[in-house]
Structure formats: structure tokens, C-alpha cells
PDB file of N, CA and C in Angstrom:
ATOM      1  N   UNK A   1      -7.545 -37.204  94.747  1.00  0.00           N
ATOM      2  CA  UNK A   1      -7.393 -36.921  96.155  1.00  0.00           C
ATOM      3  C   UNK A   1      -6.442 -37.930  96.801  1.00  0.00           C
ATOM      4  N   UNK A   2      -6.647 -39.223  96.524  1.00  0.00           N
ATOM      5  CA  UNK A   2      -5.777 -40.260  97.066  1.00  0.00           C
ATOM      6  C   UNK A   2      -4.349 -40.067  96.567  1.00  0.00           C
ATOM      7  N   UNK A   3      -4.210 -39.780  95.261  1.00  0.00           N
ATOM      8  CA  UNK A   3      -2.868 -39.579  94.696  1.00  0.00           C
ATOM      9  C   UNK A   3      -2.168 -38.399  95.362  1.00  0.00           C
ATOM     10  N   UNK A   4      -2.884 -37.307  95.600  1.00  0.00           N
ATOM     11  CA  UNK A   4      -2.298 -36.133  96.234  1.00  0.00           C
ATOM     12  C   UNK A   4      -1.862 -36.466  97.664  1.00  0.00           C
ATOM     13  N   UNK A   5      -2.686 -37.235  98.368  1.00  0.00           N
ATOM     14  CA  UNK A   5      -2.347 -37.632  99.736  1.00  0.00           C
ATOM     15  C   UNK A   5      -1.101 -38.520  99.739  1.00  0.00           C
ATOM     16  N   UNK A   6      -1.033 -39.487  98.825  1.00  0.00           N
ATOM     17  CA  UNK A   6       0.125 -40.371  98.744  1.00  0.00           C
ATOM     18  C   UNK A   6       1.387 -39.595  98.396  1.00  0.00           C
ATOM     19  N   UNK A   7       1.266 -38.615  97.474  1.00  0.00           N
ATOM     20  CA  UNK A   7       2.431 -37.816  97.106  1.00  0.00           C
ATOM     21  C   UNK A   7       2.939 -36.998  98.286  1.00  0.00           C
ATOM     22  N   UNK A   8       2.040 -36.424  99.073  1.00  0.00           N
ATOM     23  CA  UNK A   8       2.473 -35.633 100.220  1.00  0.00           C
ATOM     24  C   UNK A   8       3.125 -36.521 101.269  1.00  0.00           C
ATOM     25  N   UNK A   9       2.597 -37.749 101.438  1.00  0.00           N
ATOM     26  CA  UNK A   9       3.213 -38.688 102.384  1.00  0.00           C
ATOM     27  C   UNK A   9       4.600 -39.089 101.903  1.00  0.00           C
ATOM     28  N   UNK A  10       4.751 -39.322 100.595  1.00  0.00           N
ATOM     29  CA  UNK A  10       6.048 -39.698 100.050  1.00  0.00           C
ATOM     30  C   UNK A  10       7.062 -38.587 100.259  1.00  0.00           C
ATOM     31  N   UNK A  11       6.666 -37.346  99.997  1.00  0.00           N
ATOM     32  CA  UNK A  11       7.586 -36.228 100.188  1.00  0.00           C
ATOM     33  C   UNK A  11       8.023 -36.118 101.639  1.00  0.00           C
ATOM     34  N   UNK A  12       7.099 -36.341 102.565  1.00  0.00           N
ATOM     35  CA  UNK A  12       7.449 -36.292 103.982  1.00  0.00           C
ATOM     36  C   UNK A  12       8.419 -37.412 104.340  1.00  0.00           C
ATOM     37  N   UNK A  13       8.199 -38.605 103.774  1.00  0.00           N
ATOM     38  CA  UNK A  13       9.102 -39.730 104.036  1.00  0.00           C
ATOM     39  C   UNK A  13      10.490 -39.466 103.483  1.00  0.00           C
ATOM     40  N   UNK A  14      10.563 -38.945 102.269  1.00  0.00           N
ATOM     41  CA  UNK A  14      11.861 -38.668 101.654  1.00  0.00           C
ATOM     42  C   UNK A  14      12.609 -37.630 102.460  1.00  0.00           C
ATOM     43  N   UNK A  15      11.910 -36.617 102.927  1.00  0.00           N
ATOM     44  CA  UNK A  15      12.554 -35.571 103.709  1.00  0.00           C
ATOM     45  C   UNK A  15      13.070 -36.112 105.045  1.00  0.00           C
ATOM     46  N   UNK A  16      12.363 -37.089 105.619  1.00  0.00           N
ATOM     47  CA  UNK A  16      12.750 -37.629 106.924  1.00  0.00           C
ATOM     48  C   UNK A  16      13.796 -38.735 106.832  1.00  0.00           C
ATOM     49  N   UNK A  17      14.003 -39.295 105.639  1.00  0.00           N
ATOM     50  CA  UNK A  17      14.959 -40.387 105.479  1.00  0.00           C
ATOM     51  C   UNK A  17      16.364 -39.828 105.333  1.00  0.00           C
ATOM     52  N   UNK A  18      17.331 -40.356 106.095  1.00  0.00           N
ATOM     53  CA  UNK A  18      18.701 -39.864 105.970  1.00  0.00           C
ATOM     54  C   UNK A  18      19.211 -40.032 104.540  1.00  0.00           C
ATOM     55  N   UNK A  19      20.078 -39.119 104.110  1.00  0.00           N
ATOM     56  CA  UNK A  19      20.577 -39.134 102.734  1.00  0.00           C
ATOM     57  C   UNK A  19      21.245 -40.462 102.398  1.00  0.00           C
ATOM     58  N   UNK A  20      21.970 -41.046 103.331  1.00  0.00           N
ATOM     59  CA  UNK A  20      22.678 -42.297 103.049  1.00  0.00           C
ATOM     60  C   UNK A  20      21.703 -43.421 102.729  1.00  0.00           C
ATOM     61  N   UNK A  21      20.498 -43.400 103.293  1.00  0.00           N
ATOM     62  CA  UNK A  21      19.508 -44.431 102.997  1.00  0.00           C
ATOM     63  C   UNK A  21      18.876 -44.204 101.636  1.00  0.00           C
ATOM     64  N   UNK A  22      18.956 -42.981 101.127  1.00  0.00           N
ATOM     65  CA  UNK A  22      18.355 -42.675  99.837  1.00  0.00           C
ATOM     66  C   UNK A  22      19.320 -42.843  98.681  1.00  0.00           C
ATOM     67  N   UNK A  23      20.605 -42.943  98.947  1.00  0.00           N
ATOM     68  CA  UNK A  23      21.594 -43.010  97.874  1.00  0.00           C
ATOM     69  C   UNK A  23      21.400 -44.265  97.042  1.00  0.00           C
ATOM     70  N   UNK A  24      21.418 -44.097  95.731  1.00  0.00           N
ATOM     71  CA  UNK A  24      21.213 -45.229  94.827  1.00  0.00           C
ATOM     72  C   UNK A  24      22.521 -45.974  94.619  1.00  0.00           C
ATOM     73  N   UNK A  25      22.412 -47.289  94.561  1.00  0.00           N
ATOM     74  CA  UNK A  25      23.556 -48.154  94.280  1.00  0.00           C
ATOM     75  C   UNK A  25      23.008 -49.333  93.508  1.00  0.00           C
ATOM     76  N   UNK A  26      23.216 -49.353  92.205  1.00  0.00           N
ATOM     77  CA  UNK A  26      22.586 -50.352  91.340  1.00  0.00           C
ATOM     78  C   UNK A  26      23.003 -51.771  91.687  1.00  0.00           C
ATOM     79  N   UNK A  27      24.179 -51.975  92.269  1.00  0.00           N
ATOM     80  CA  UNK A  27      24.630 -53.328  92.552  1.00  0.00           C
ATOM     81  C   UNK A  27      24.081 -53.858  93.875  1.00  0.00           C
ATOM     82  N   UNK A  28      23.524 -52.996  94.707  1.00  0.00           N
ATOM     83  CA  UNK A  28      23.017 -53.424  96.010  1.00  0.00           C
ATOM     84  C   UNK A  28      21.587 -53.937  95.895  1.00  0.00           C
ATOM     85  N   UNK A  29      21.171 -54.699  96.898  1.00  0.00           N
ATOM     86  CA  UNK A  29      19.786 -55.157  96.955  1.00  0.00           C
ATOM     87  C   UNK A  29      18.879 -53.960  97.207  1.00  0.00           C
ATOM     88  N   UNK A  30      17.633 -54.100  96.815  1.00  0.00           N
ATOM     89  CA  UNK A  30      16.651 -53.041  97.057  1.00  0.00           C
ATOM     90  C   UNK A  30      16.185 -53.155  98.493  1.00  0.00           C
ATOM     91  N   UNK A  31      16.679 -52.299  99.338  1.00  0.00           N
ATOM     92  CA  UNK A  31      16.369 -52.380 100.754  1.00  0.00           C
ATOM     93  C   UNK A  31      15.204 -51.474 101.115  1.00  0.00           C
ATOM     94  N   UNK A  32      14.327 -51.970 101.974  1.00  0.00           N
ATOM     95  CA  UNK A  32      13.219 -51.165 102.477  1.00  0.00           C
ATOM     96  C   UNK A  32      13.802 -50.150 103.453  1.00  0.00           C
ATOM     97  N   UNK A  33      13.586 -48.868 103.173  1.00  0.00           N
ATOM     98  CA  UNK A  33      14.114 -47.810 104.030  1.00  0.00           C
ATOM     99  C   UNK A  33      13.154 -47.494 105.179  1.00  0.00           C
ATOM    100  N   UNK A  34      11.839 -47.557 104.900  1.00  0.00           N
ATOM    101  CA  UNK A  34      10.849 -47.239 105.928  1.00  0.00           C
ATOM    102  C   UNK A  34       9.475 -47.704 105.483  1.00  0.00           C
ATOM    103  N   UNK A  35       8.586 -47.830 106.455  1.00  0.00           N
ATOM    104  CA  UNK A  35       7.182 -48.107 106.182  1.00  0.00           C
ATOM    105  C   UNK A  35       6.383 -47.034 106.901  1.00  0.00           C
ATOM    106  N   UNK A  36       5.539 -46.331 106.153  1.00  0.00           N
ATOM    107  CA  UNK A  36       4.775 -45.226 106.717  1.00  0.00           C
ATOM    108  C   UNK A  36       3.288 -45.545 106.670  1.00  0.00           C
ATOM    109  N   UNK A  37       2.657 -45.761 107.818  1.00  0.00           N
ATOM    110  CA  UNK A  37       1.206 -45.964 107.801  1.00  0.00           C
ATOM    111  C   UNK A  37       0.487 -44.642 107.504  1.00  0.00           C
ATOM    112  N   UNK A  38      -0.543 -44.703 106.689  1.00  0.00           N
ATOM    113  CA  UNK A  38      -1.371 -43.535 106.399  1.00  0.00           C
ATOM    114  C   UNK A  38      -2.824 -43.904 106.653  1.00  0.00           C
ATOM    115  N   UNK A  39      -3.710 -42.955 106.500  1.00  0.00           N
ATOM    116  CA  UNK A  39      -5.131 -43.223 106.708  1.00  0.00           C
ATOM    117  C   UNK A  39      -5.689 -44.182 105.669  1.00  0.00           C
ATOM    118  N   UNK A  40      -5.139 -44.162 104.472  1.00  0.00           N
ATOM    119  CA  UNK A  40      -5.676 -44.957 103.366  1.00  0.00           C
ATOM    120  C   UNK A  40      -4.947 -46.288 103.226  1.00  0.00           C
ATOM    121  N   UNK A  41      -3.621 -46.269 103.198  1.00  0.00           N
ATOM    122  CA  UNK A  41      -2.820 -47.483 102.998  1.00  0.00           C
ATOM    123  C   UNK A  41      -1.410 -47.228 103.497  1.00  0.00           C
ATOM    124  N   UNK A  42      -0.694 -48.300 103.832  1.00  0.00           N
ATOM    125  CA  UNK A  42       0.699 -48.160 104.247  1.00  0.00           C
ATOM    126  C   UNK A  42       1.578 -47.954 103.018  1.00  0.00           C
ATOM    127  N   UNK A  43       2.529 -47.026 103.118  1.00  0.00           N
ATOM    128  CA  UNK A  43       3.494 -46.780 102.054  1.00  0.00           C
ATOM    129  C   UNK A  43       4.829 -47.411 102.435  1.00  0.00           C
ATOM    130  N   UNK A  44       5.437 -48.085 101.488  1.00  0.00           N
ATOM    131  CA  UNK A  44       6.753 -48.688 101.692  1.00  0.00           C
ATOM    132  C   UNK A  44       7.747 -47.842 100.909  1.00  0.00           C
ATOM    133  N   UNK A  45       8.759 -47.312 101.584  1.00  0.00           N
ATOM    134  CA  UNK A  45       9.775 -46.486 100.944  1.00  0.00           C
ATOM    135  C   UNK A  45      11.014 -47.324 100.711  1.00  0.00           C
ATOM    136  N   UNK A  46      11.436 -47.400  99.445  1.00  0.00           N
ATOM    137  CA  UNK A  46      12.655 -48.120  99.091  1.00  0.00           C
ATOM    138  C   UNK A  46      13.792 -47.124  98.927  1.00  0.00           C
ATOM    139  N   UNK A  47      14.983 -47.525  99.267  1.00  0.00           N
ATOM    140  CA  UNK A  47      16.157 -46.660  99.172  1.00  0.00           C
ATOM    141  C   UNK A  47      16.752 -46.592  97.782  1.00  0.00           C
ATOM    142  N   UNK A  48      16.043 -47.093  96.768  1.00  0.00           N
ATOM    143  CA  UNK A  48      16.493 -47.042  95.378  1.00  0.00           C
ATOM    144  C   UNK A  48      15.334 -46.577  94.510  1.00  0.00           C
ATOM    145  N   UNK A  49      15.674 -46.084  93.332  1.00  0.00           N
ATOM    146  CA  UNK A  49      14.624 -45.593  92.452  1.00  0.00           C
ATOM    147  C   UNK A  49      14.976 -45.754  90.994  1.00  0.00           C
ATOM    148  N   UNK A  50      14.653 -44.741  90.234  1.00  0.00           N
ATOM    149  CA  UNK A  50      14.817 -44.744  88.781  1.00  0.00           C
ATOM    150  C   UNK A  50      16.258 -45.048  88.377  1.00  0.00           C
ATOM    151  N   UNK A  51      17.215 -44.482  89.102  1.00  0.00           N
ATOM    152  CA  UNK A  51      18.632 -44.689  88.783  1.00  0.00           C
ATOM    153  C   UNK A  51      19.054 -46.154  88.930  1.00  0.00           C
ATOM    154  N   UNK A  52      18.322 -46.932  89.740  1.00  0.00           N
ATOM    155  CA  UNK A  52      18.628 -48.353  89.940  1.00  0.00           C
ATOM    156  C   UNK A  52      17.798 -49.242  89.012  1.00  0.00           C
ATOM    157  N   UNK A  53      17.061 -48.626  88.085  1.00  0.00           N
ATOM    158  CA  UNK A  53      16.288 -49.401  87.116  1.00  0.00           C
ATOM    159  C   UNK A  53      14.842 -49.642  87.492  1.00  0.00           C
ATOM    160  N   UNK A  54      14.383 -49.058  88.581  1.00  0.00           N
ATOM    161  CA  UNK A  54      12.992 -49.248  88.978  1.00  0.00           C
ATOM    162  C   UNK A  54      12.074 -48.358  88.149  1.00  0.00           C
ATOM    163  N   UNK A  55      10.881 -48.854  87.883  1.00  0.00           N
ATOM    164  CA  UNK A  55       9.879 -48.103  87.121  1.00  0.00           C
ATOM    165  C   UNK A  55       8.529 -48.237  87.798  1.00  0.00           C
ATOM    166  N   UNK A  56       7.705 -47.207  87.657  1.00  0.00           N
ATOM    167  CA  UNK A  56       6.360 -47.226  88.212  1.00  0.00           C
ATOM    168  C   UNK A  56       5.583 -48.410  87.630  1.00  0.00           C
ATOM    169  N   UNK A  57       4.852 -49.121  88.480  1.00  0.00           N
ATOM    170  CA  UNK A  57       4.055 -50.257  88.043  1.00  0.00           C
ATOM    171  C   UNK A  57       4.739 -51.600  88.239  1.00  0.00           C
ATOM    172  N   UNK A  58       6.031 -51.603  88.542  1.00  0.00           N
ATOM    173  CA  UNK A  58       6.729 -52.870  88.792  1.00  0.00           C
ATOM    174  C   UNK A  58       6.222 -53.498  90.083  1.00  0.00           C
ATOM    175  N   UNK A  59       6.206 -54.820  90.102  1.00  0.00           N
ATOM    176  CA  UNK A  59       5.835 -55.574  91.298  1.00  0.00           C
ATOM    177  C   UNK A  59       7.111 -56.150  91.887  1.00  0.00           C
ATOM    178  N   UNK A  60       7.276 -56.015  93.198  1.00  0.00           N
ATOM    179  CA  UNK A  60       8.449 -56.540  93.885  1.00  0.00           C
ATOM    180  C   UNK A  60       8.026 -57.488  94.998  1.00  0.00           C
ATOM    181  N   UNK A  61       8.861 -58.475  95.231  1.00  0.00           N
ATOM    182  CA  UNK A  61       8.664 -59.414  96.341  1.00  0.00           C
ATOM    183  C   UNK A  61       9.576 -58.961  97.477  1.00  0.00           C
ATOM    184  N   UNK A  62       9.018 -58.873  98.689  1.00  0.00           N
ATOM    185  CA  UNK A  62       9.787 -58.466  99.867  1.00  0.00           C
ATOM    186  C   UNK A  62      10.081 -59.714 100.696  1.00  0.00           C
ATOM    187  N   UNK A  63      11.355 -59.881 101.068  1.00  0.00           N
ATOM    188  CA  UNK A  63      11.761 -61.033 101.866  1.00  0.00           C
ATOM    189  C   UNK A  63      12.556 -60.588 103.089  1.00  0.00           C
ATOM    190  N   UNK A  64      12.566 -61.449 104.087  1.00  0.00           N
ATOM    191  CA  UNK A  64      13.400 -61.259 105.270  1.00  0.00           C
ATOM    192  C   UNK A  64      14.109 -62.586 105.483  1.00  0.00           C
ATOM    193  N   UNK A  65      15.386 -62.600 105.206  1.00  0.00           N
ATOM    194  CA  UNK A  65      16.114 -63.870 105.227  1.00  0.00           C
ATOM    195  C   UNK A  65      15.619 -64.724 104.072  1.00  0.00           C
ATOM    196  N   UNK A  66      15.164 -65.927 104.379  1.00  0.00           N
ATOM    197  CA  UNK A  66      14.627 -66.794 103.325  1.00  0.00           C
ATOM    198  C   UNK A  66      13.099 -66.785 103.285  1.00  0.00           C
ATOM    199  N   UNK A  67      12.473 -66.008 104.155  1.00  0.00           N
ATOM    200  CA  UNK A  67      11.007 -65.990 104.246  1.00  0.00           C
ATOM    201  C   UNK A  67      10.406 -64.896 103.369  1.00  0.00           C
ATOM    202  N   UNK A  68       9.372 -65.268 102.596  1.00  0.00           N
ATOM    203  CA  UNK A  68       8.613 -64.270 101.838  1.00  0.00           C
ATOM    204  C   UNK A  68       7.737 -63.495 102.806  1.00  0.00           C
ATOM    205  N   UNK A  69       7.760 -62.172 102.696  1.00  0.00           N
ATOM    206  CA  UNK A  69       6.990 -61.318 103.589  1.00  0.00           C
ATOM    207  C   UNK A  69       5.792 -60.715 102.872  1.00  0.00           C
ATOM    208  N   UNK A  70       6.015 -60.167 101.660  1.00  0.00           N
ATOM    209  CA  UNK A  70       4.932 -59.445 100.992  1.00  0.00           C
ATOM    210  C   UNK A  70       5.258 -59.230  99.525  1.00  0.00           C
ATOM    211  N   UNK A  71       4.267 -58.716  98.810  1.00  0.00           N
ATOM    212  CA  UNK A  71       4.464 -58.195  97.462  1.00  0.00           C
ATOM    213  C   UNK A  71       4.016 -56.742  97.485  1.00  0.00           C
ATOM    214  N   UNK A  72       4.779 -55.905  96.766  1.00  0.00           N
ATOM    215  CA  UNK A  72       4.476 -54.476  96.722  1.00  0.00           C
ATOM    216  C   UNK A  72       4.425 -54.007  95.274  1.00  0.00           C
ATOM    217  N   UNK A  73       3.706 -52.915  95.049  1.00  0.00           N
ATOM    218  CA  UNK A  73       3.556 -52.309  93.726  1.00  0.00           C
ATOM    219  C   UNK A  73       4.147 -50.908  93.777  1.00  0.00           C
ATOM    220  N   UNK A  74       5.134 -50.626  92.920  1.00  0.00           N
ATOM    221  CA  UNK A  74       5.759 -49.303  92.893  1.00  0.00           C
ATOM    222  C   UNK A  74       4.784 -48.289  92.310  1.00  0.00           C
ATOM    223  N   UNK A  75       4.491 -47.248  93.074  1.00  0.00           N
ATOM    224  CA  UNK A  75       3.522 -46.238  92.639  1.00  0.00           C
ATOM    225  C   UNK A  75       4.147 -44.886  92.366  1.00  0.00           C
ATOM    226  N   UNK A  76       5.328 -44.633  92.922  1.00  0.00           N
ATOM    227  CA  UNK A  76       6.012 -43.357  92.679  1.00  0.00           C
ATOM    228  C   UNK A  76       7.506 -43.636  92.702  1.00  0.00           C
ATOM    229  N   UNK A  77       8.185 -43.335  91.607  1.00  0.00           N
ATOM    230  CA  UNK A  77       9.617 -43.614  91.502  1.00  0.00           C
ATOM    231  C   UNK A  77      10.359 -42.313  91.235  1.00  0.00           C
ATOM    232  N   UNK A  78      11.296 -42.005  92.090  1.00  0.00           N
ATOM    233  CA  UNK A  78      12.162 -40.838  91.952  1.00  0.00           C
ATOM    234  C   UNK A  78      13.564 -41.339  91.604  1.00  0.00           C
ATOM    235  N   UNK A  79      14.500 -40.472  91.272  1.00  0.00           N
ATOM    236  CA  UNK A  79      15.837 -40.956  90.900  1.00  0.00           C
ATOM    237  C   UNK A  79      16.508 -41.834  91.958  1.00  0.00           C
ATOM    238  N   UNK A  80      16.408 -41.485  93.225  1.00  0.00           N
ATOM    239  CA  UNK A  80      17.136 -42.244  94.246  1.00  0.00           C
ATOM    240  C   UNK A  80      16.254 -42.897  95.298  1.00  0.00           C
ATOM    241  N   UNK A  81      14.949 -42.850  95.140  1.00  0.00           N
ATOM    242  CA  UNK A  81      14.053 -43.508  96.086  1.00  0.00           C
ATOM    243  C   UNK A  81      12.724 -43.781  95.402  1.00  0.00           C
ATOM    244  N   UNK A  82      11.921 -44.630  96.007  1.00  0.00           N
ATOM    245  CA  UNK A  82      10.615 -44.940  95.438  1.00  0.00           C
ATOM    246  C   UNK A  82       9.647 -45.312  96.541  1.00  0.00           C
ATOM    247  N   UNK A  83       8.361 -45.215  96.226  1.00  0.00           N
ATOM    248  CA  UNK A  83       7.307 -45.570  97.174  1.00  0.00           C
ATOM    249  C   UNK A  83       6.436 -46.645  96.560  1.00  0.00           C
ATOM    250  N   UNK A  84       5.965 -47.540  97.413  1.00  0.00           N
ATOM    251  CA  UNK A  84       5.158 -48.661  96.940  1.00  0.00           C
ATOM    252  C   UNK A  84       3.989 -48.890  97.882  1.00  0.00           C
ATOM    253  N   UNK A  85       2.947 -49.522  97.336  1.00  0.00           N
ATOM    254  CA  UNK A  85       1.804 -49.959  98.123  1.00  0.00           C
ATOM    255  C   UNK A  85       1.893 -51.470  98.295  1.00  0.00           C
ATOM    256  N   UNK A  86       1.453 -51.946  99.438  1.00  0.00           N
ATOM    257  CA  UNK A  86       1.457 -53.382  99.708  1.00  0.00           C
ATOM    258  C   UNK A  86       0.253 -54.000  99.006  1.00  0.00           C
ATOM    259  N   UNK A  87       0.508 -55.002  98.137  1.00  0.00           N
ATOM    260  CA  UNK A  87      -0.596 -55.681  97.432  1.00  0.00           C
ATOM    261  C   UNK A  87      -0.966 -56.990  98.101  1.00  0.00           C
ATOM    262  N   UNK A  88       0.002 -57.662  98.719  1.00  0.00           N
ATOM    263  CA  UNK A  88      -0.307 -58.874  99.482  1.00  0.00           C
ATOM    264  C   UNK A  88       0.722 -59.025 100.589  1.00  0.00           C
ATOM    265  N   UNK A  89       0.263 -59.611 101.688  1.00  0.00           N
ATOM    266  CA  UNK A  89       1.108 -59.759 102.865  1.00  0.00           C
ATOM    267  C   UNK A  89       0.975 -61.186 103.370  1.00  0.00           C
ATOM    268  N   UNK A  90       2.107 -61.832 103.664  1.00  0.00           N
ATOM    269  CA  UNK A  90       2.082 -63.195 104.190  1.00  0.00           C
ATOM    270  C   UNK A  90       1.431 -63.193 105.572  1.00  0.00           C
ATOM    271  N   UNK A  91       0.824 -64.307 105.925  1.00  0.00           N
ATOM    272  CA  UNK A  91       0.128 -64.459 107.193  1.00  0.00           C
ATOM    273  C   UNK A  91       1.071 -64.190 108.361  1.00  0.00           C
ATOM    274  N   UNK A  92       0.645 -63.348 109.288  1.00  0.00           N
ATOM    275  CA  UNK A  92       1.405 -62.997 110.489  1.00  0.00           C
ATOM    276  C   UNK A  92       2.734 -62.316 110.183  1.00  0.00           C
ATOM    277  N   UNK A  93       2.819 -61.578 109.087  1.00  0.00           N
ATOM    278  CA  UNK A  93       4.042 -60.873 108.714  1.00  0.00           C
ATOM    279  C   UNK A  93       3.758 -59.383 108.592  1.00  0.00           C
ATOM    280  N   UNK A  94       4.799 -58.590 108.679  1.00  0.00           N
ATOM    281  CA  UNK A  94       4.731 -57.162 108.391  1.00  0.00           C
ATOM    282  C   UNK A  94       6.076 -56.744 107.820  1.00  0.00           C
ATOM    283  N   UNK A  95       6.063 -55.687 107.032  1.00  0.00           N
ATOM    284  CA  UNK A  95       7.291 -55.201 106.394  1.00  0.00           C
ATOM    285  C   UNK A  95       8.004 -54.269 107.369  1.00  0.00           C
ATOM    286  N   UNK A  96       9.315 -54.436 107.474  1.00  0.00           N
ATOM    287  CA  UNK A  96      10.143 -53.610 108.357  1.00  0.00           C
ATOM    288  C   UNK A  96      11.294 -53.006 107.563  1.00  0.00           C
ATOM    289  N   UNK A  97      11.821 -51.896 108.059  1.00  0.00           N
ATOM    290  CA  UNK A  97      13.023 -51.320 107.469  1.00  0.00           C
ATOM    291  C   UNK A  97      14.129 -52.366 107.521  1.00  0.00           C
ATOM    292  N   UNK A  98      14.866 -52.502 106.435  1.00  0.00           N
ATOM    293  CA  UNK A  98      15.930 -53.481 106.351  1.00  0.00           C
ATOM    294  C   UNK A  98      15.537 -54.735 105.583  1.00  0.00           C
ATOM    295  N   UNK A  99      14.230 -54.947 105.376  1.00  0.00           N
ATOM    296  CA  UNK A  99      13.801 -56.074 104.541  1.00  0.00           C
ATOM    297  C   UNK A  99      14.299 -55.839 103.125  1.00  0.00           C
ATOM    298  N   UNK A 100      14.402 -56.892 102.339  1.00  0.00           N
ATOM    299  CA  UNK A 100      14.954 -56.806 100.990  1.00  0.00           C
ATOM    300  C   UNK A 100      13.845 -57.009  99.974  1.00  0.00           C
ATOM    301  N   UNK A 101      13.801 -56.143  98.969  1.00  0.00           N
ATOM    302  CA  UNK A 101      12.834 -56.249  97.887  1.00  0.00           C
ATOM    303  C   UNK A 101      13.564 -56.652  96.615  1.00  0.00           C
ATOM    304  N   UNK A 102      12.891 -57.452  95.795  1.00  0.00           N
ATOM    305  CA  UNK A 102      13.435 -57.857  94.498  1.00  0.00           C
ATOM    306  C   UNK A 102      12.327 -57.764  93.472  1.00  0.00           C
ATOM    307  N   UNK A 103      12.669 -57.315  92.286  1.00  0.00           N
ATOM    308  CA  UNK A 103      11.679 -57.184  91.227  1.00  0.00           C
ATOM    309  C   UNK A 103      11.152 -58.575  90.896  1.00  0.00           C
ATOM    310  N   UNK A 104       9.841 -58.697  90.863  1.00  0.00           N
ATOM    311  CA  UNK A 104       9.216 -59.976  90.532  1.00  0.00           C
ATOM    312  C   UNK A 104       9.151 -60.100  89.020  1.00  0.00           C
ATOM    313  N   UNK A 105       9.739 -61.167  88.517  1.00  0.00           N
ATOM    314  CA  UNK A 105       9.795 -61.386  87.078  1.00  0.00           C
ATOM    315  C   UNK A 105       8.905 -62.571  86.744  1.00  0.00           C
ATOM    316  N   UNK A 106       7.996 -62.380  85.798  1.00  0.00           N
ATOM    317  CA  UNK A 106       7.109 -63.451  85.381  1.00  0.00           C
ATOM    318  C   UNK A 106       7.817 -64.319  84.362  1.00  0.00           C
ATOM    319  N   UNK A 107       7.729 -65.627  84.513  1.00  0.00           N
ATOM    320  CA  UNK A 107       8.322 -66.548  83.556  1.00  0.00           C
ATOM    321  C   UNK A 107       7.355 -66.725  82.395  1.00  0.00           C
ATOM    322  N   UNK A 108       7.892 -66.784  81.174  1.00  0.00           N
ATOM    323  CA  UNK A 108       7.033 -66.963  79.995  1.00  0.00           C
ATOM    324  C   UNK A 108       7.111 -68.374  79.484  1.00  0.00           C
TER     325      UNK A 108
END
């Protein structure tokens, strides 16, 4: 039920996002295209997806300038866009369109 609700929210977000915000560009930063509040959890829509190397289950760090804002988990990845759930949020912060996401890489 939750998955079906999240998928319908993602489809609505993709349909409402201008095509230019959805276009994939592997050399560009992963920019937050939109944040959609839902009854269950907020969805973060990224303007990049599978074509930019993103995969479901990846964890990304969201920043604004030099400040860490949040960490997100990719839950649905399409060729040119993806949706994520917020796993942690910095104190007194919120994610906004235009924030930059980067794949979090664990050091071994």
C-alpha cells in the first residue's frame, strides 16, 4: 500500500516537473528538482536518474552551499529522474529545490 502510494506520488511529481528539470546530464551535480510532502513521508525528486548512474538503494548527502542539509535514500529510479525518502535531516534545516545531492560513498 505504501509503495503504491509513493509510486503514484512520484508519477504526479514527474508529470508536474518541467522537462528541462528532468533532463539527465551525467557531468552536472545531482540537483533537487522538488520536494513533495505526502501523508506518509516527504518525497525528494532529483532531476537525474538511471542514465546518470543512480541506482535504487543508494544513499545521498544533500547540501546547500557548504552546509549539510540531509541524507536521502533513493527508492525509485527512472532513466531521467528519481525519487528519494529523507533518512536524516540536520537541525533546523529542510530540503529545497536547487539543493545539491551527492552519492555518499563509504570509505573502506
